[in-house]
C-alpha atoms as a PDB file:
ATOM      1  CA  MET A   1     230.620 143.281 -67.726  1.00  0.00           C
ATOM      2  CA  SER A   2     227.598 144.873 -69.071  1.00  0.00           C
ATOM      3  CA  ASN A   3     225.386 142.675 -66.939  1.00  0.00           C
ATOM      4  CA  ARG A   4     227.281 143.784 -63.815  1.00  0.00           C
ATOM      5  CA  LYS A   5     226.803 147.415 -64.733  1.00  0.00           C
ATOM      6  CA  SER A   6     223.124 146.944 -65.305  1.00  0.00           C
ATOM      7  CA  ARG A   7     222.771 145.168 -61.886  1.00  0.00           C
ATOM      8  CA  THR A   8     224.702 147.935 -60.180  1.00  0.00           C
ATOM      9  CA  SER A   9     222.625 150.534 -61.923  1.00  0.00           C
ATOM     10  CA  ASP A  10     219.398 148.650 -61.039  1.00  0.00           C
ATOM     11  CA  ASP A  11     220.561 148.396 -57.410  1.00  0.00           C
ATOM     12  CA  ASP A  12     221.352 152.193 -57.396  1.00  0.00           C
ATOM     13  CA  VAL A  13     217.954 152.991 -58.892  1.00  0.00           C
ATOM     14  CA  ALA A  14     216.294 150.643 -56.335  1.00  0.00           C
ATOM     15  CA  GLN A  15     218.359 152.276 -53.460  1.00  0.00           C
ATOM     16  CA  GLU A  16     217.519 155.817 -54.640  1.00  0.00           C
ATOM     17  CA  PHE A  17     213.840 154.888 -54.910  1.00  0.00           C
ATOM     18  CA  VAL A  18     213.870 153.466 -51.348  1.00  0.00           C
ATOM     19  CA  GLN A  19     215.529 156.599 -50.069  1.00  0.00           C
ATOM     20  CA  ASP A  20     213.074 158.855 -51.843  1.00  0.00           C
ATOM     21  CA  LEU A  21     210.138 156.802 -50.573  1.00  0.00           C
ATOM     22  CA  LEU A  22     211.554 156.915 -47.048  1.00  0.00           C
ATOM     23  CA  GLU A  23     211.965 160.711 -47.316  1.00  0.00           C
ATOM     24  CA  LEU A  24     208.387 161.103 -48.514  1.00  0.00           C
ATOM     25  CA  VAL A  25     207.033 158.931 -45.733  1.00  0.00           C
ATOM     26  CA  THR A  26     209.053 160.865 -43.177  1.00  0.00           C
ATOM     27  CA  GLN A  27     207.684 164.224 -44.517  1.00  0.00           C
ATOM     28  CA  SER A  28     204.167 162.764 -44.485  1.00  0.00           C
ATOM     29  CA  ILE A  29     204.563 161.777 -40.823  1.00  0.00           C
ATOM     30  CA  VAL A  30     205.866 165.195 -39.886  1.00  0.00           C
ATOM     31  CA  ALA A  31     202.997 166.892 -41.727  1.00  0.00           C
ATOM     32  CA  ASN A  32     200.496 164.590 -39.990  1.00  0.00           C
ATOM     33  CA  GLU A  33     202.012 165.475 -36.612  1.00  0.00           C
ATOM     34  CA  HIS A  34     201.603 169.219 -37.403  1.00  0.00           C
ATOM     35  CA  THR A  35     198.053 168.573 -38.528  1.00  0.00           C
ATOM     36  CA  ASN A  36     197.239 166.586 -35.358  1.00  0.00           C
ATOM     37  CA  ALA A  37     198.680 169.397 -33.190  1.00  0.00           C
ATOM     38  CA  ALA A  38     196.580 171.955 -35.036  1.00  0.00           C
ATOM     39  CA  ILE A  39     193.406 169.805 -34.603  1.00  0.00           C
ATOM     40  CA  ILE A  40     194.134 169.489 -30.907  1.00  0.00           C
ATOM     41  CA  ARG A  41     194.559 173.344 -30.612  1.00  0.00           C
ATOM     42  CA  LEU A  42     191.230 173.883 -32.492  1.00  0.00           C
ATOM     43  CA  GLN A  43     189.476 171.420 -30.202  1.00  0.00           C
ATOM     44  CA  GLU A  44     190.806 173.243 -27.178  1.00  0.00           C
ATOM     45  CA  GLN A  45     189.760 176.600 -28.602  1.00  0.00           C
ATOM     46  CA  GLN A  46     186.362 175.184 -29.335  1.00  0.00           C
ATOM     47  CA  LYS A  47     185.936 174.117 -25.670  1.00  0.00           C
ATOM     48  CA  VAL A  48     186.948 177.608 -24.428  1.00  0.00           C
ATOM     49  CA  THR A  49     184.558 179.204 -26.920  1.00  0.00           C
ATOM     50  CA  ALA A  50     181.754 176.947 -25.854  1.00  0.00           C
ATOM     51  CA  ASP A  51     182.339 177.876 -22.137  1.00  0.00           C
ATOM     52  CA  ASP A  52     182.391 181.608 -23.045  1.00  0.00           C
ATOM     53  CA  LEU A  53     179.216 181.204 -24.958  1.00  0.00           C
ATOM     54  CA  LYS A  54     177.506 179.467 -22.042  1.00  0.00           C
ATOM     55  CA  GLN A  55     178.504 182.296 -19.737  1.00  0.00           C
ATOM     56  CA  LEU A  56     177.183 184.907 -22.226  1.00  0.00           C
ATOM     57  CA  LEU A  57     173.911 183.025 -22.614  1.00  0.00           C
ATOM     58  CA  THR A  58     173.662 182.942 -18.815  1.00  0.00           C
ATOM     59  CA  LEU A  59     174.113 186.726 -18.636  1.00  0.00           C
ATOM     60  CA  VAL A  60     172.015 187.715 -21.648  1.00  0.00           C
ATOM     61  CA  ARG A  61     169.208 185.180 -21.704  1.00  0.00           C
ATOM     62  CA  ASP A  62     168.888 183.952 -18.146  1.00  0.00           C
ATOM     63  CA  GLY A  63     170.156 187.032 -16.282  1.00  0.00           C
ATOM     64  CA  ASN A  64     172.540 185.203 -13.908  1.00  0.00           C
ATOM     65  CA  GLY A  65     170.309 185.875 -10.837  1.00  0.00           C
ATOM     66  CA  ARG A  66     169.110 189.242 -12.107  1.00  0.00           C
ATOM     67  CA  PRO A  67     166.656 190.193 -14.743  1.00  0.00           C
ATOM     68  CA  PRO A  68     167.916 189.145 -18.146  1.00  0.00           C
ATOM     69  CA  LEU A  69     170.074 191.682 -20.012  1.00  0.00           C
ATOM     70  CA  ILE A  70     167.438 191.977 -22.735  1.00  0.00           C
ATOM     71  CA  SER A  71     164.759 192.909 -20.232  1.00  0.00           C
ATOM     72  CA  ARG A  72     166.983 195.385 -18.593  1.00  0.00           C
ATOM     73  CA  LEU A  73     167.744 196.987 -21.951  1.00  0.00           C
ATOM     74  CA  GLU A  74     164.049 197.195 -22.754  1.00  0.00           C
ATOM     75  CA  ALA A  75     163.454 198.882 -19.425  1.00  0.00           C
ATOM     76  CA  LEU A  76     166.191 201.437 -20.198  1.00  0.00           C
ATOM     77  CA  GLU A  77     164.631 202.107 -23.592  1.00  0.00           C
ATOM     78  CA  ARG A  78     161.226 202.656 -22.048  1.00  0.00           C
ATOM     79  CA  THR A  79     162.720 205.083 -19.479  1.00  0.00           C
ATOM     80  CA  GLU A  80     164.560 206.943 -22.217  1.00  0.00           C
ATOM     81  CA  GLN A  81     161.351 207.285 -24.207  1.00  0.00           C
ATOM     82  CA  ASP A  82     159.434 208.540 -21.172  1.00  0.00           C
ATOM     83  CA  THR A  83     162.180 211.117 -20.510  1.00  0.00           C
ATOM     84  CA  GLN A  84     162.145 212.298 -24.094  1.00  0.00           C
ATOM     85  CA  LYS A  85     158.343 212.666 -23.907  1.00  0.00           C
ATOM     86  CA  LYS A  86     158.624 214.732 -20.674  1.00  0.00           C
ATOM     87  CA  ASN A  87     161.231 216.921 -22.147  1.00  0.00           C
ATOM     88  CA  ALA A  88     159.263 217.454 -25.276  1.00  0.00           C
ATOM     89  CA  MET A  89     156.191 218.441 -23.100  1.00  0.00           C
ATOM     90  CA  SER A  90     158.230 220.873 -21.069  1.00  0.00           C
ATOM     91  CA  TRP A  91     159.386 222.675 -24.250  1.00  0.00           C
ATOM     92  CA  GLU A  92     155.874 222.683 -25.656  1.00  0.00           C
ATOM     93  CA  ILE A  93     154.524 224.193 -22.472  1.00  0.00           C
ATOM     94  CA  LEU A  94     157.285 226.824 -22.464  1.00  0.00           C
ATOM     95  CA  LEU A  95     156.681 227.756 -26.109  1.00  0.00           C
ATOM     96  CA  VAL A  96     152.959 228.010 -25.488  1.00  0.00           C
ATOM     97  CA  ALA A  97     153.416 230.155 -22.323  1.00  0.00           C
ATOM     98  CA  LEU A  98     156.250 232.360 -23.743  1.00  0.00           C
ATOM     99  CA  PRO A  99     154.046 234.746 -25.778  1.00  0.00           C
ATOM    100  CA  GLY A 100     151.710 235.288 -22.839  1.00  0.00           C
ATOM    101  CA  MET A 101     154.634 235.953 -20.499  1.00  0.00           C
ATOM    102  CA  LEU A 102     156.144 238.379 -23.038  1.00  0.00           C
ATOM    103  CA  ALA A 103     152.808 240.145 -23.409  1.00  0.00           C
ATOM    104  CA  PHE A 104     152.428 240.381 -19.676  1.00  0.00           C
ATOM    105  CA  LEU A 105     155.970 241.754 -19.260  1.00  0.00           C
ATOM    106  CA  SER A 106     155.509 244.292 -22.017  1.00  0.00           C
ATOM    107  CA  THR A 107     152.187 245.523 -20.439  1.00  0.00           C
ATOM    108  CA  MET A 108     153.878 245.742 -17.113  1.00  0.00           C
ATOM    109  CA  GLY A 109     156.734 247.695 -18.570  1.00  0.00           C
ATOM    110  CA  ALA A 110     154.260 250.052 -20.372  1.00  0.00           C
ATOM    111  CA  MET A 111     152.632 250.947 -17.077  1.00  0.00           C
END
């Protein structure tokens, strides 16, 4: 009798082990499927990012048929610097001429 119980309990343990192992393998397969799906999404995003980067390089570095964006920005900066210099000169001229104009107006008013 005792021998039968031990065989039955051994069979139960073996059956439980097989079920647990099957469950672990199933969970592993599901996890791998999710990982594979995530890898595929990342690869697709990488392709899209690479295409966007190529387009940006075309615009910034190559200019896409126009002068490159960097050159255009440099031209804008030069124009802005020239404008600032002209404005500074205008104010300097006004400040230099203002005392003379005030003196002239005061002498005209005194006459």
